[in-house]
C-alpha atoms as a PDB file:
ATOM      1  CA  MET A   1       4.182 -26.261  -4.359  1.00  0.00           C
ATOM      2  CA  THR A   2       6.785 -24.105  -5.970  1.00  0.00           C
ATOM      3  CA  ARG A   3       6.713 -20.382  -5.943  1.00  0.00           C
ATOM      4  CA  PRO A   4       5.049 -19.039  -9.408  1.00  0.00           C
ATOM      5  CA  THR A   5       7.782 -17.413 -11.751  1.00  0.00           C
ATOM      6  CA  LEU A   6       6.978 -14.136 -12.632  1.00  0.00           C
ATOM      7  CA  PRO A   7       8.334 -12.300 -15.678  1.00  0.00           C
ATOM      8  CA  ALA A   8      11.139  -9.855 -14.631  1.00  0.00           C
ATOM      9  CA  THR A   9      10.438  -6.354 -15.851  1.00  0.00           C
ATOM     10  CA  LEU A  10      11.455  -2.976 -14.587  1.00  0.00           C
ATOM     11  CA  LYS A  11       8.807  -1.144 -12.817  1.00  0.00           C
ATOM     12  CA  ARG A  12       8.848   2.560 -10.994  1.00  0.00           C
ATOM     13  CA  LYS A  13       6.344   3.892  -8.965  1.00  0.00           C
ATOM     14  CA  SER A  14       4.186   6.580 -10.935  1.00  0.00           C
ATOM     15  CA  GLN A  15       5.165  10.199  -9.486  1.00  0.00           C
ATOM     16  CA  LEU A  16       2.395  11.865 -10.944  1.00  0.00           C
ATOM     17  CA  PRO A  17      -0.593  12.962  -9.020  1.00  0.00           C
ATOM     18  CA  ILE A  18      -4.065  12.313 -10.130  1.00  0.00           C
ATOM     19  CA  TRP A  19      -4.856  15.850 -11.248  1.00  0.00           C
ATOM     20  CA  LEU A  20      -1.596  15.958 -13.223  1.00  0.00           C
ATOM     21  CA  SER A  21      -2.233  12.466 -14.696  1.00  0.00           C
ATOM     22  CA  ILE A  22      -5.740  13.766 -16.088  1.00  0.00           C
ATOM     23  CA  GLY A  23      -4.176  17.113 -16.996  1.00  0.00           C
ATOM     24  CA  TRP A  24      -1.341  15.735 -19.319  1.00  0.00           C
ATOM     25  CA  ARG A  25      -4.147  13.463 -21.137  1.00  0.00           C
ATOM     26  CA  VAL A  26      -6.312  16.928 -21.609  1.00  0.00           C
ATOM     27  CA  THR A  27      -3.249  18.559 -22.768  1.00  0.00           C
ATOM     28  CA  ALA A  28      -2.529  15.898 -25.394  1.00  0.00           C
ATOM     29  CA  VAL A  29      -6.092  15.923 -26.720  1.00  0.00           C
ATOM     30  CA  LEU A  30      -5.861  19.844 -27.089  1.00  0.00           C
ATOM     31  CA  GLY A  31      -2.757  19.716 -28.697  1.00  0.00           C
ATOM     32  CA  LEU A  32      -4.077  17.150 -31.573  1.00  0.00           C
ATOM     33  CA  VAL A  33      -7.206  19.213 -31.858  1.00  0.00           C
ATOM     34  CA  GLY A  34      -5.168  22.255 -32.185  1.00  0.00           C
ATOM     35  CA  LEU A  35      -2.749  20.615 -35.013  1.00  0.00           C
ATOM     36  CA  ALA A  36      -5.825  19.348 -36.897  1.00  0.00           C
ATOM     37  CA  VAL A  37      -7.206  22.933 -36.584  1.00  0.00           C
ATOM     38  CA  ALA A  38      -4.092  24.508 -37.923  1.00  0.00           C
ATOM     39  CA  VAL A  39      -3.665  22.322 -40.973  1.00  0.00           C
ATOM     40  CA  HIS A  40      -7.271  22.788 -41.883  1.00  0.00           C
ATOM     41  CA  TRP A  41      -6.913  26.638 -41.669  1.00  0.00           C
ATOM     42  CA  PHE A  42      -3.976  26.659 -43.779  1.00  0.00           C
ATOM     43  CA  ASP A  43      -5.490  24.356 -46.347  1.00  0.00           C
ATOM     44  CA  ARG A  44      -9.173  25.971 -45.957  1.00  0.00           C
ATOM     45  CA  GLU A  45      -9.202  26.382 -49.631  1.00  0.00           C
ATOM     46  CA  GLY A  46      -9.707  22.501 -49.853  1.00  0.00           C
ATOM     47  CA  LEU A  47     -12.756  22.785 -47.680  1.00  0.00           C
ATOM     48  CA  ARG A  48     -16.395  23.618 -48.910  1.00  0.00           C
ATOM     49  CA  ASP A  49     -19.304  25.219 -46.868  1.00  0.00           C
ATOM     50  CA  ASN A  50     -22.414  23.979 -48.458  1.00  0.00           C
ATOM     51  CA  TYR A  51     -24.335  26.620 -46.416  1.00  0.00           C
ATOM     52  CA  ASP A  52     -22.863  30.065 -47.437  1.00  0.00           C
ATOM     53  CA  GLY A  53     -20.010  29.018 -49.508  1.00  0.00           C
ATOM     54  CA  ARG A  54     -17.501  30.718 -47.225  1.00  0.00           C
ATOM     55  CA  VAL A  55     -15.052  28.681 -44.881  1.00  0.00           C
ATOM     56  CA  SER A  56     -14.235  31.044 -41.757  1.00  0.00           C
ATOM     57  CA  PHE A  57     -11.934  30.021 -38.988  1.00  0.00           C
ATOM     58  CA  LEU A  58     -15.053  29.177 -36.889  1.00  0.00           C
ATOM     59  CA  ASP A  59     -15.888  27.025 -39.513  1.00  0.00           C
ATOM     60  CA  VAL A  60     -12.734  25.353 -39.466  1.00  0.00           C
ATOM     61  CA  VAL A  61     -12.719  24.997 -35.940  1.00  0.00           C
ATOM     62  CA  TYR A  62     -16.388  23.379 -36.295  1.00  0.00           C
ATOM     63  CA  PHE A  63     -15.247  21.216 -38.797  1.00  0.00           C
ATOM     64  CA  THR A  64     -12.148  19.898 -37.023  1.00  0.00           C
ATOM     65  CA  MET A  65     -14.472  19.074 -33.934  1.00  0.00           C
ATOM     66  CA  ILE A  66     -17.120  17.385 -35.847  1.00  0.00           C
ATOM     67  CA  SER A  67     -14.660  15.469 -37.809  1.00  0.00           C
ATOM     68  CA  ILE A  68     -12.684  14.400 -34.821  1.00  0.00           C
ATOM     69  CA  THR A  69     -15.517  13.338 -32.399  1.00  0.00           C
ATOM     70  CA  THR A  70     -18.158  12.186 -34.993  1.00  0.00           C
ATOM     71  CA  THR A  71     -18.219  11.309 -38.657  1.00  0.00           C
ATOM     72  CA  GLY A  72     -19.367  14.614 -39.793  1.00  0.00           C
ATOM     73  CA  TYR A  73     -22.788  16.177 -40.904  1.00  0.00           C
ATOM     74  CA  GLY A  74     -22.018  16.860 -44.585  1.00  0.00           C
ATOM     75  CA  ASP A  75     -22.444  20.708 -44.149  1.00  0.00           C
ATOM     76  CA  ILE A  76     -18.561  21.293 -44.670  1.00  0.00           C
ATOM     77  CA  ALA A  77     -16.621  18.502 -46.749  1.00  0.00           C
ATOM     78  CA  PRO A  78     -13.140  18.232 -47.952  1.00  0.00           C
ATOM     79  CA  VAL A  79     -13.153  18.708 -51.570  1.00  0.00           C
ATOM     80  CA  SER A  80      -9.440  18.856 -52.796  1.00  0.00           C
ATOM     81  CA  ASP A  81      -7.340  15.579 -52.968  1.00  0.00           C
ATOM     82  CA  ARG A  82      -4.792  17.049 -50.225  1.00  0.00           C
ATOM     83  CA  ALA A  83      -7.841  18.045 -47.862  1.00  0.00           C
ATOM     84  CA  ARG A  84      -9.004  14.422 -48.282  1.00  0.00           C
ATOM     85  CA  LEU A  85      -5.669  12.755 -47.781  1.00  0.00           C
ATOM     86  CA  PHE A  86      -5.035  14.747 -44.472  1.00  0.00           C
ATOM     87  CA  ASP A  87      -8.375  13.856 -43.306  1.00  0.00           C
ATOM     88  CA  ALA A  88      -8.022  10.033 -44.320  1.00  0.00           C
ATOM     89  CA  LEU A  89      -4.206   9.738 -42.892  1.00  0.00           C
ATOM     90  CA  ILE A  90      -4.119  12.334 -40.040  1.00  0.00           C
ATOM     91  CA  VAL A  91      -7.645  13.255 -38.686  1.00  0.00           C
ATOM     92  CA  THR A  92      -8.714   9.650 -38.537  1.00  0.00           C
ATOM     93  CA  PRO A  93      -5.936   8.377 -36.400  1.00  0.00           C
ATOM     94  CA  ILE A  94      -6.373  11.476 -34.080  1.00  0.00           C
ATOM     95  CA  ARG A  95     -10.055  10.645 -34.093  1.00  0.00           C
ATOM     96  CA  VAL A  96      -9.116   6.897 -32.676  1.00  0.00           C
ATOM     97  CA  PHE A  97      -6.242   8.140 -30.230  1.00  0.00           C
ATOM     98  CA  VAL A  98      -8.756  10.896 -28.721  1.00  0.00           C
ATOM     99  CA  VAL A  99     -11.360   8.270 -28.104  1.00  0.00           C
ATOM    100  CA  LEU A 100      -8.644   5.909 -26.445  1.00  0.00           C
ATOM    101  CA  LEU A 101      -7.443   8.481 -24.420  1.00  0.00           C
ATOM    102  CA  PHE A 102     -11.066   9.314 -23.208  1.00  0.00           C
ATOM    103  CA  ILE A 103     -11.862   5.632 -22.789  1.00  0.00           C
ATOM    104  CA  GLY A 104      -8.743   5.014 -20.641  1.00  0.00           C
ATOM    105  CA  THR A 105      -9.344   7.892 -18.657  1.00  0.00           C
ATOM    106  CA  ALA A 106     -12.802   6.861 -17.857  1.00  0.00           C
ATOM    107  CA  TYR A 107     -11.632   3.316 -17.186  1.00  0.00           C
ATOM    108  CA  ASN A 108      -8.746   4.458 -14.699  1.00  0.00           C
ATOM    109  CA  PHE A 109     -10.429   6.962 -12.838  1.00  0.00           C
ATOM    110  CA  VAL A 110     -14.100   6.022 -12.858  1.00  0.00           C
ATOM    111  CA  LEU A 111     -14.872   2.450 -14.014  1.00  0.00           C
ATOM    112  CA  LYS A 112     -11.703   0.605 -12.347  1.00  0.00           C
ATOM    113  CA  ARG A 113     -12.053   2.340  -9.014  1.00  0.00           C
ATOM    114  CA  THR A 114     -15.912   1.470  -8.889  1.00  0.00           C
ATOM    115  CA  TRP A 115     -14.900  -2.176  -9.775  1.00  0.00           C
ATOM    116  CA  ASP A 116     -12.313  -2.517  -7.259  1.00  0.00           C
ATOM    117  CA  LYS A 117     -14.516  -0.920  -4.467  1.00  0.00           C
ATOM    118  CA  TRP A 118     -17.189  -3.298  -5.463  1.00  0.00           C
ATOM    119  CA  ARG A 119     -14.793  -6.392  -5.397  1.00  0.00           C
ATOM    120  CA  MET A 120     -13.054  -5.369  -2.271  1.00  0.00           C
ATOM    121  CA  ALA A 121     -16.412  -5.063  -0.359  1.00  0.00           C
ATOM    122  CA  LEU A 122     -17.334  -8.403  -1.688  1.00  0.00           C
ATOM    123  CA  LEU A 123     -14.084 -10.173  -0.559  1.00  0.00           C
ATOM    124  CA  GLN A 124     -14.605  -8.532   2.964  1.00  0.00           C
ATOM    125  CA  ARG A 125     -17.742  -9.972   3.424  1.00  0.00           C
ATOM    126  CA  SER A 126     -16.391 -13.473   2.962  1.00  0.00           C
ATOM    127  CA  LEU A 127     -13.115 -13.124   4.398  1.00  0.00           C
ATOM    128  CA  THR A 128     -12.506 -15.137   7.524  1.00  0.00           C
ATOM    129  CA  GLY A 129      -9.921 -17.347   8.828  1.00  0.00           C
ATOM    130  CA  HIS A 130      -7.103 -15.698   6.906  1.00  0.00           C
ATOM    131  CA  ILE A 131      -3.542 -14.412   7.591  1.00  0.00           C
ATOM    132  CA  VAL A 132      -2.551 -10.778   7.582  1.00  0.00           C
ATOM    133  CA  VAL A 133       0.899 -10.155   6.772  1.00  0.00           C
ATOM    134  CA  ALA A 134       1.835  -6.346   7.661  1.00  0.00           C
ATOM    135  CA  GLY A 135       4.815  -5.447   5.567  1.00  0.00           C
ATOM    136  CA  TYR A 136       6.008  -7.197   2.501  1.00  0.00           C
ATOM    137  CA  GLY A 137       9.637  -6.746   2.188  1.00  0.00           C
ATOM    138  CA  ARG A 138      12.061  -9.387   1.744  1.00  0.00           C
ATOM    139  CA  THR A 139      11.160 -11.168   5.038  1.00  0.00           C
ATOM    140  CA  GLY A 140       7.485 -10.660   4.427  1.00  0.00           C
ATOM    141  CA  ALA A 141       7.926 -11.973   0.796  1.00  0.00           C
ATOM    142  CA  GLU A 142       9.812 -14.856   1.901  1.00  0.00           C
ATOM    143  CA  ALA A 143       7.114 -15.783   4.930  1.00  0.00           C
ATOM    144  CA  VAL A 144       4.219 -15.630   1.935  1.00  0.00           C
ATOM    145  CA  ALA A 145       6.358 -17.928  -0.355  1.00  0.00           C
ATOM    146  CA  GLU A 146       6.942 -20.250   2.545  1.00  0.00           C
ATOM    147  CA  LEU A 147       3.372 -20.281   3.319  1.00  0.00           C
ATOM    148  CA  ILE A 148       2.322 -20.975   0.023  1.00  0.00           C
ATOM    149  CA  ALA A 149       4.883 -23.828  -0.406  1.00  0.00           C
ATOM    150  CA  ARG A 150       3.237 -25.477   2.617  1.00  0.00           C
ATOM    151  CA  GLY A 151      -0.161 -25.456   1.174  1.00  0.00           C
ATOM    152  CA  GLU A 152      -1.681 -22.148   2.294  1.00  0.00           C
ATOM    153  CA  ALA A 153      -4.055 -21.105  -0.573  1.00  0.00           C
ATOM    154  CA  PRO A 154      -2.708 -17.404  -1.801  1.00  0.00           C
ATOM    155  CA  ASP A 155      -6.100 -15.837  -1.476  1.00  0.00           C
ATOM    156  CA  ASN A 156      -6.424 -16.761   2.179  1.00  0.00           C
ATOM    157  CA  MET A 157      -3.436 -14.083   2.924  1.00  0.00           C
ATOM    158  CA  VAL A 158      -3.960 -10.493   3.041  1.00  0.00           C
ATOM    159  CA  VAL A 159      -0.713  -8.243   2.392  1.00  0.00           C
ATOM    160  CA  VAL A 160      -0.688  -4.817   3.742  1.00  0.00           C
ATOM    161  CA  ASP A 161       1.922  -2.572   2.709  1.00  0.00           C
ATOM    162  CA  PRO A 162       2.294   1.269   1.933  1.00  0.00           C
ATOM    163  CA  ASP A 163       4.459   0.608  -1.183  1.00  0.00           C
ATOM    164  CA  ALA A 164       2.550   0.186  -4.367  1.00  0.00           C
ATOM    165  CA  GLU A 165       5.241  -2.096  -6.037  1.00  0.00           C
ATOM    166  CA  ARG A 166       5.242  -4.589  -3.115  1.00  0.00           C
ATOM    167  CA  ILE A 167       1.562  -4.688  -3.147  1.00  0.00           C
ATOM    168  CA  GLU A 168       1.570  -5.469  -7.124  1.00  0.00           C
ATOM    169  CA  GLU A 169       4.051  -8.295  -6.362  1.00  0.00           C
ATOM    170  CA  ALA A 170       1.930  -9.525  -3.848  1.00  0.00           C
ATOM    171  CA  LYS A 171      -0.984  -9.434  -6.045  1.00  0.00           C
ATOM    172  CA  ALA A 172       0.614 -11.137  -8.820  1.00  0.00           C
ATOM    173  CA  LEU A 173       1.190 -14.170  -6.436  1.00  0.00           C
ATOM    174  CA  GLY A 174      -2.516 -14.566  -5.754  1.00  0.00           C
ATOM    175  CA  CYS A 175      -2.648 -12.899  -2.289  1.00  0.00           C
ATOM    176  CA  LEU A 176      -5.387 -10.232  -1.400  1.00  0.00           C
ATOM    177  CA  VAL A 177      -3.855  -7.029  -0.895  1.00  0.00           C
ATOM    178  CA  MET A 178      -4.296  -3.597   0.713  1.00  0.00           C
ATOM    179  CA  GLN A 179      -2.224  -0.631   0.158  1.00  0.00           C
ATOM    180  CA  GLY A 180      -2.096   1.647   3.272  1.00  0.00           C
ATOM    181  CA  ASP A 181      -0.582   2.032   7.007  1.00  0.00           C
ATOM    182  CA  ALA A 182      -1.190  -1.057   9.197  1.00  0.00           C
ATOM    183  CA  THR A 183      -0.853   1.031  12.089  1.00  0.00           C
ATOM    184  CA  ARG A 184      -4.148   2.432  11.653  1.00  0.00           C
ATOM    185  CA  ASP A 185      -7.282   0.967  13.237  1.00  0.00           C
ATOM    186  CA  GLN A 186      -9.435   1.632  10.308  1.00  0.00           C
ATOM    187  CA  LEU A 187      -7.296  -0.313   7.807  1.00  0.00           C
ATOM    188  CA  LEU A 188      -7.370  -3.046  10.116  1.00  0.00           C
ATOM    189  CA  ASP A 189     -10.693  -3.010  10.524  1.00  0.00           C
ATOM    190  CA  GLU A 190     -10.891  -3.426   6.467  1.00  0.00           C
ATOM    191  CA  VAL A 191      -8.831  -6.395   6.483  1.00  0.00           C
ATOM    192  CA  LYS A 192     -11.167  -8.228   9.015  1.00  0.00           C
ATOM    193  CA  LEU A 193      -8.345  -8.598  11.580  1.00  0.00           C
ATOM    194  CA  THR A 194     -11.077  -9.845  14.159  1.00  0.00           C
ATOM    195  CA  ARG A 195     -11.642 -12.614  12.096  1.00  0.00           C
ATOM    196  CA  ALA A 196      -8.147 -13.585  11.042  1.00  0.00           C
ATOM    197  CA  ARG A 197      -6.244 -16.768  11.971  1.00  0.00           C
ATOM    198  CA  SER A 198      -3.074 -15.060  12.725  1.00  0.00           C
ATOM    199  CA  MET A 199      -0.899 -12.230  11.855  1.00  0.00           C
ATOM    200  CA  ILE A 200       2.742 -11.604  10.647  1.00  0.00           C
ATOM    201  CA  VAL A 201       4.174  -8.246  11.354  1.00  0.00           C
ATOM    202  CA  THR A 202       7.547  -7.594   9.420  1.00  0.00           C
ATOM    203  CA  ALA A 203       7.592  -3.815   8.827  1.00  0.00           C
ATOM    204  CA  GLY A 204      11.248  -3.497   8.293  1.00  0.00           C
ATOM    205  CA  ARG A 205      11.625  -1.011  11.140  1.00  0.00           C
ATOM    206  CA  ASP A 206      11.289  -2.192  14.999  1.00  0.00           C
ATOM    207  CA  ASP A 207       9.457   0.771  16.100  1.00  0.00           C
ATOM    208  CA  THR A 208       6.789   0.343  13.151  1.00  0.00           C
ATOM    209  CA  SER A 209       6.545  -3.291  13.778  1.00  0.00           C
ATOM    210  CA  ILE A 210       5.810  -2.589  17.245  1.00  0.00           C
ATOM    211  CA  LEU A 211       3.450   0.254  16.724  1.00  0.00           C
ATOM    212  CA  ILE A 212       1.652  -2.099  14.329  1.00  0.00           C
ATOM    213  CA  THR A 213       1.618  -4.776  16.729  1.00  0.00           C
ATOM    214  CA  LEU A 214       0.102  -2.593  19.330  1.00  0.00           C
ATOM    215  CA  SER A 215      -2.582  -1.539  16.963  1.00  0.00           C
ATOM    216  CA  ALA A 216      -3.487  -5.082  16.039  1.00  0.00           C
ATOM    217  CA  ARG A 217      -3.693  -6.250  19.843  1.00  0.00           C
ATOM    218  CA  HIS A 218      -5.929  -3.233  20.280  1.00  0.00           C
ATOM    219  CA  VAL A 219      -8.225  -4.504  17.503  1.00  0.00           C
ATOM    220  CA  ALA A 220      -8.095  -8.036  18.079  1.00  0.00           C
ATOM    221  CA  PRO A 221      -7.234  -8.840  21.622  1.00  0.00           C
ATOM    222  CA  ASP A 222      -7.209 -12.768  21.084  1.00  0.00           C
ATOM    223  CA  LEU A 223      -5.275 -12.876  17.671  1.00  0.00           C
ATOM    224  CA  PRO A 224      -1.925 -14.703  17.593  1.00  0.00           C
ATOM    225  CA  ILE A 225       0.805 -12.129  16.341  1.00  0.00           C
ATOM    226  CA  SER A 226       4.229 -12.958  15.290  1.00  0.00           C
ATOM    227  CA  THR A 227       6.493  -9.867  15.083  1.00  0.00           C
ATOM    228  CA  ILE A 228      10.060  -9.635  13.911  1.00  0.00           C
ATOM    229  CA  VAL A 229      12.545  -7.153  15.676  1.00  0.00           C
ATOM    230  CA  ARG A 230      16.140  -6.645  14.604  1.00  0.00           C
ATOM    231  CA  ASN A 231      17.467  -5.159  17.884  1.00  0.00           C
ATOM    232  CA  GLU A 232      17.468  -7.589  21.060  1.00  0.00           C
ATOM    233  CA  ASP A 233      16.391  -4.507  23.154  1.00  0.00           C
ATOM    234  CA  ASN A 234      13.096  -4.402  21.395  1.00  0.00           C
ATOM    235  CA  GLU A 235      12.111  -7.912  22.036  1.00  0.00           C
ATOM    236  CA  LEU A 236      10.515  -6.976  25.506  1.00  0.00           C
ATOM    237  CA  PRO A 237       8.709  -3.861  24.019  1.00  0.00           C
ATOM    238  CA  ALA A 238       7.478  -6.223  21.236  1.00  0.00           C
ATOM    239  CA  ARG A 239       6.032  -8.657  23.745  1.00  0.00           C
ATOM    240  CA  ALA A 240       4.347  -5.705  25.788  1.00  0.00           C
ATOM    241  CA  ALA A 241       2.820  -4.419  22.820  1.00  0.00           C
ATOM    242  CA  GLY A 242       0.961  -7.609  22.400  1.00  0.00           C
ATOM    243  CA  ALA A 243       3.066 -10.067  20.085  1.00  0.00           C
ATOM    244  CA  THR A 244       2.537 -13.657  20.725  1.00  0.00           C
ATOM    245  CA  THR A 245       5.885 -14.693  19.065  1.00  0.00           C
ATOM    246  CA  VAL A 246       8.808 -12.545  18.719  1.00  0.00           C
ATOM    247  CA  ILE A 247      11.595 -13.477  16.368  1.00  0.00           C
ATOM    248  CA  ASN A 248      14.845 -11.800  16.223  1.00  0.00           C
ATOM    249  CA  PRO A 249      16.569 -13.173  12.721  1.00  0.00           C
ATOM    250  CA  VAL A 250      20.002 -11.618  13.707  1.00  0.00           C
ATOM    251  CA  SER A 251      20.080 -13.498  16.905  1.00  0.00           C
ATOM    252  CA  PHE A 252      18.983 -16.636  15.413  1.00  0.00           C
ATOM    253  CA  ALA A 253      21.741 -16.389  12.753  1.00  0.00           C
ATOM    254  CA  GLY A 254      24.149 -15.992  15.431  1.00  0.00           C
ATOM    255  CA  LEU A 255      23.066 -18.948  16.945  1.00  0.00           C
ATOM    256  CA  LEU A 256      23.350 -20.806  13.599  1.00  0.00           C
ATOM    257  CA  LEU A 257      26.665 -19.542  13.132  1.00  0.00           C
ATOM    258  CA  ALA A 258      27.879 -20.438  16.485  1.00  0.00           C
ATOM    259  CA  THR A 259      26.539 -23.911  15.918  1.00  0.00           C
ATOM    260  CA  SER A 260      28.416 -24.191  12.502  1.00  0.00           C
ATOM    261  CA  CYS A 261      31.677 -23.798  14.417  1.00  0.00           C
ATOM    262  CA  LYS A 262      31.503 -27.468  15.832  1.00  0.00           C
ATOM    263  CA  GLY A 263      30.368 -28.925  12.498  1.00  0.00           C
ATOM    264  CA  GLY A 264      27.906 -27.959   9.710  1.00  0.00           C
ATOM    265  CA  ARG A 265      25.518 -30.977   9.887  1.00  0.00           C
ATOM    266  CA  VAL A 266      24.010 -29.582  12.916  1.00  0.00           C
ATOM    267  CA  THR A 267      23.154 -26.164  11.205  1.00  0.00           C
ATOM    268  CA  GLU A 268      22.036 -27.904   7.994  1.00  0.00           C
ATOM    269  CA  TYR A 269      19.615 -30.015  10.016  1.00  0.00           C
ATOM    270  CA  LEU A 270      18.240 -26.869  11.742  1.00  0.00           C
ATOM    271  CA  ALA A 271      17.669 -25.149   8.565  1.00  0.00           C
ATOM    272  CA  ASP A 272      16.135 -28.199   7.141  1.00  0.00           C
ATOM    273  CA  LEU A 273      13.620 -28.186   9.916  1.00  0.00           C
ATOM    274  CA  ALA A 274      12.820 -24.583   9.316  1.00  0.00           C
ATOM    275  CA  SER A 275      12.060 -24.941   5.809  1.00  0.00           C
ATOM    276  CA  ILE A 276       9.088 -27.141   4.171  1.00  0.00           C
ATOM    277  CA  HIS A 277      11.368 -28.094   1.385  1.00  0.00           C
ATOM    278  CA  GLY A 278      13.628 -29.950   3.490  1.00  0.00           C
ATOM    279  CA  LYS A 279      13.305 -33.903   4.433  1.00  0.00           C
ATOM    280  CA  VAL A 280      12.103 -33.082   7.860  1.00  0.00           C
ATOM    281  CA  ALA A 281       9.881 -30.184   9.290  1.00  0.00           C
ATOM    282  CA  LEU A 282       8.901 -28.836  12.702  1.00  0.00           C
ATOM    283  CA  ASN A 283       4.926 -29.247  13.037  1.00  0.00           C
ATOM    284  CA  GLU A 284       2.705 -27.811  15.902  1.00  0.00           C
ATOM    285  CA  ARG A 285      -0.479 -29.221  16.490  1.00  0.00           C
ATOM    286  CA  ALA A 286      -3.221 -29.834  19.166  1.00  0.00           C
ATOM    287  CA  VAL A 287      -3.239 -33.391  20.791  1.00  0.00           C
ATOM    288  CA  THR A 288      -6.065 -35.573  19.137  1.00  0.00           C
ATOM    289  CA  ALA A 289      -8.526 -37.594  21.100  1.00  0.00           C
ATOM    290  CA  ASP A 290      -6.862 -40.991  20.408  1.00  0.00           C
ATOM    291  CA  GLU A 291      -3.603 -39.722  21.787  1.00  0.00           C
ATOM    292  CA  ILE A 292      -4.832 -38.593  25.356  1.00  0.00           C
ATOM    293  CA  GLY A 293      -3.019 -40.724  28.186  1.00  0.00           C
ATOM    294  CA  ARG A 294      -0.342 -41.666  25.666  1.00  0.00           C
ATOM    295  CA  PRO A 295       3.238 -40.471  26.362  1.00  0.00           C
ATOM    296  CA  LEU A 296       4.704 -37.894  24.124  1.00  0.00           C
ATOM    297  CA  SER A 297       7.501 -40.171  22.981  1.00  0.00           C
ATOM    298  CA  GLY A 298       4.952 -42.612  21.588  1.00  0.00           C
ATOM    299  CA  LEU A 299       3.409 -40.420  18.910  1.00  0.00           C
ATOM    300  CA  SER A 300       2.599 -42.582  15.793  1.00  0.00           C
ATOM    301  CA  THR A 301       2.411 -39.180  13.327  1.00  0.00           C
ATOM    302  CA  GLY A 302       6.316 -38.063  14.188  1.00  0.00           C
ATOM    303  CA  THR A 303       8.707 -37.650  16.945  1.00  0.00           C
ATOM    304  CA  GLY A 304       7.419 -35.595  19.658  1.00  0.00           C
ATOM    305  CA  LEU A 305       9.888 -32.871  21.016  1.00  0.00           C
ATOM    306  CA  ARG A 306       7.483 -30.797  23.532  1.00  0.00           C
ATOM    307  CA  VAL A 307       4.068 -30.564  24.992  1.00  0.00           C
ATOM    308  CA  TYR A 308       2.602 -27.281  25.850  1.00  0.00           C
ATOM    309  CA  ARG A 309       0.205 -27.375  28.686  1.00  0.00           C
ATOM    310  CA  ASP A 310      -1.352 -24.046  30.553  1.00  0.00           C
ATOM    311  CA  GLY A 311       1.498 -21.921  29.096  1.00  0.00           C
ATOM    312  CA  THR A 312       4.435 -24.115  30.312  1.00  0.00           C
ATOM    313  CA  SER A 313       6.431 -26.583  28.078  1.00  0.00           C
ATOM    314  CA  PHE A 314       7.716 -29.768  28.920  1.00  0.00           C
ATOM    315  CA  GLY A 315      10.413 -31.838  27.037  1.00  0.00           C
ATOM    316  CA  ARG A 316       9.888 -35.532  25.928  1.00  0.00           C
ATOM    317  CA  HIS A 317      12.168 -36.986  28.983  1.00  0.00           C
ATOM    318  CA  GLN A 318       9.902 -34.958  31.732  1.00  0.00           C
ATOM    319  CA  PRO A 319       7.529 -36.671  33.648  1.00  0.00           C
ATOM    320  CA  GLU A 320       4.711 -34.511  32.490  1.00  0.00           C
ATOM    321  CA  SER A 321       4.878 -35.588  29.034  1.00  0.00           C
ATOM    322  CA  ASN A 322       4.266 -39.234  30.091  1.00  0.00           C
ATOM    323  CA  ALA A 323       0.410 -38.858  29.716  1.00  0.00           C
ATOM    324  CA  LEU A 324      -0.867 -36.233  27.002  1.00  0.00           C
ATOM    325  CA  ARG A 325      -4.069 -34.343  28.256  1.00  0.00           C
ATOM    326  CA  ALA A 326      -6.969 -32.796  26.406  1.00  0.00           C
ATOM    327  CA  GLY A 327      -6.029 -29.331  25.334  1.00  0.00           C
ATOM    328  CA  ASP A 328      -2.353 -29.828  25.115  1.00  0.00           C
ATOM    329  CA  THR A 329      -0.104 -28.609  22.243  1.00  0.00           C
ATOM    330  CA  ILE A 330       2.446 -30.804  20.619  1.00  0.00           C
ATOM    331  CA  VAL A 331       5.527 -29.822  18.769  1.00  0.00           C
ATOM    332  CA  GLU A 332       6.977 -32.560  16.848  1.00  0.00           C
ATOM    333  CA  ILE A 333       9.440 -33.534  13.738  1.00  0.00           C
ATOM    334  CA  VAL A 334       7.519 -35.066  10.804  1.00  0.00           C
ATOM    335  CA  ALA A 335       8.918 -36.268   7.642  1.00  0.00           C
ATOM    336  CA  THR A 336       7.688 -33.930   4.390  1.00  0.00           C
END
């Protein structure tokens, strides 16, 4: 599976608060109405009042509002060619624009939010066995893309990030999204963390990642949590906060660079193992019933590297790996 190609567009997060966004729409409507009133007033000789024959300023305001919001009642009507031309070419487009503004405002601030809340509640009820990704920066986006390439359904991942643009990028891939602070217990409850399969924490800052890990461990005591830290001194605090796996990309990159000094083939093979796009890949799985009692070196699915038993790892050449047991976890190299 390849990552979907998205059209390249320039985007910028809106800086307008809700009240200001509504305010400029109201101002635009009032400005258009004011323009129509002014033109009708200066051209009032082209209007006829069928009630008293006299067109006052109040009549002009009344006629303008009725013309813009409805088709008119006929009590005041344009009679000159210029007044009719103005109503046809100016007032009618203003009417359409005002209606679109009102409909757009109602959709954005009422209908869309109601629909999103209803849809979120529906998704939350069925959300289980998913992967929660806290932080959708460059590392988080790469992790999501790799998971999709490995066959994980995008709608089985929930991306949490405070940035609206990043949320939209994750949403475009088909992921479920939640904009907000992943350190908050309420948000972690809303993404149903206790029913999740695992969690990836990549907030961009070590302190934030550790705090998210601590909050997640408090909400879901048994959840597997993988946390990225960039400072070696923060690996221990991340584990103390409850991270099941702590990854330091800087240290890993240093290992690859040091290995490449003796030849690039080993580094290339390690990168091949880490990515699903390579010829081989690492696979972690539980031992199957027909493999119990067999040696780790005798796997038919791939090349067995390690067996994890009761929190301890054993290599393929250690005696403990000569007979697999129920409950063991196997790490193997498989062909992709």
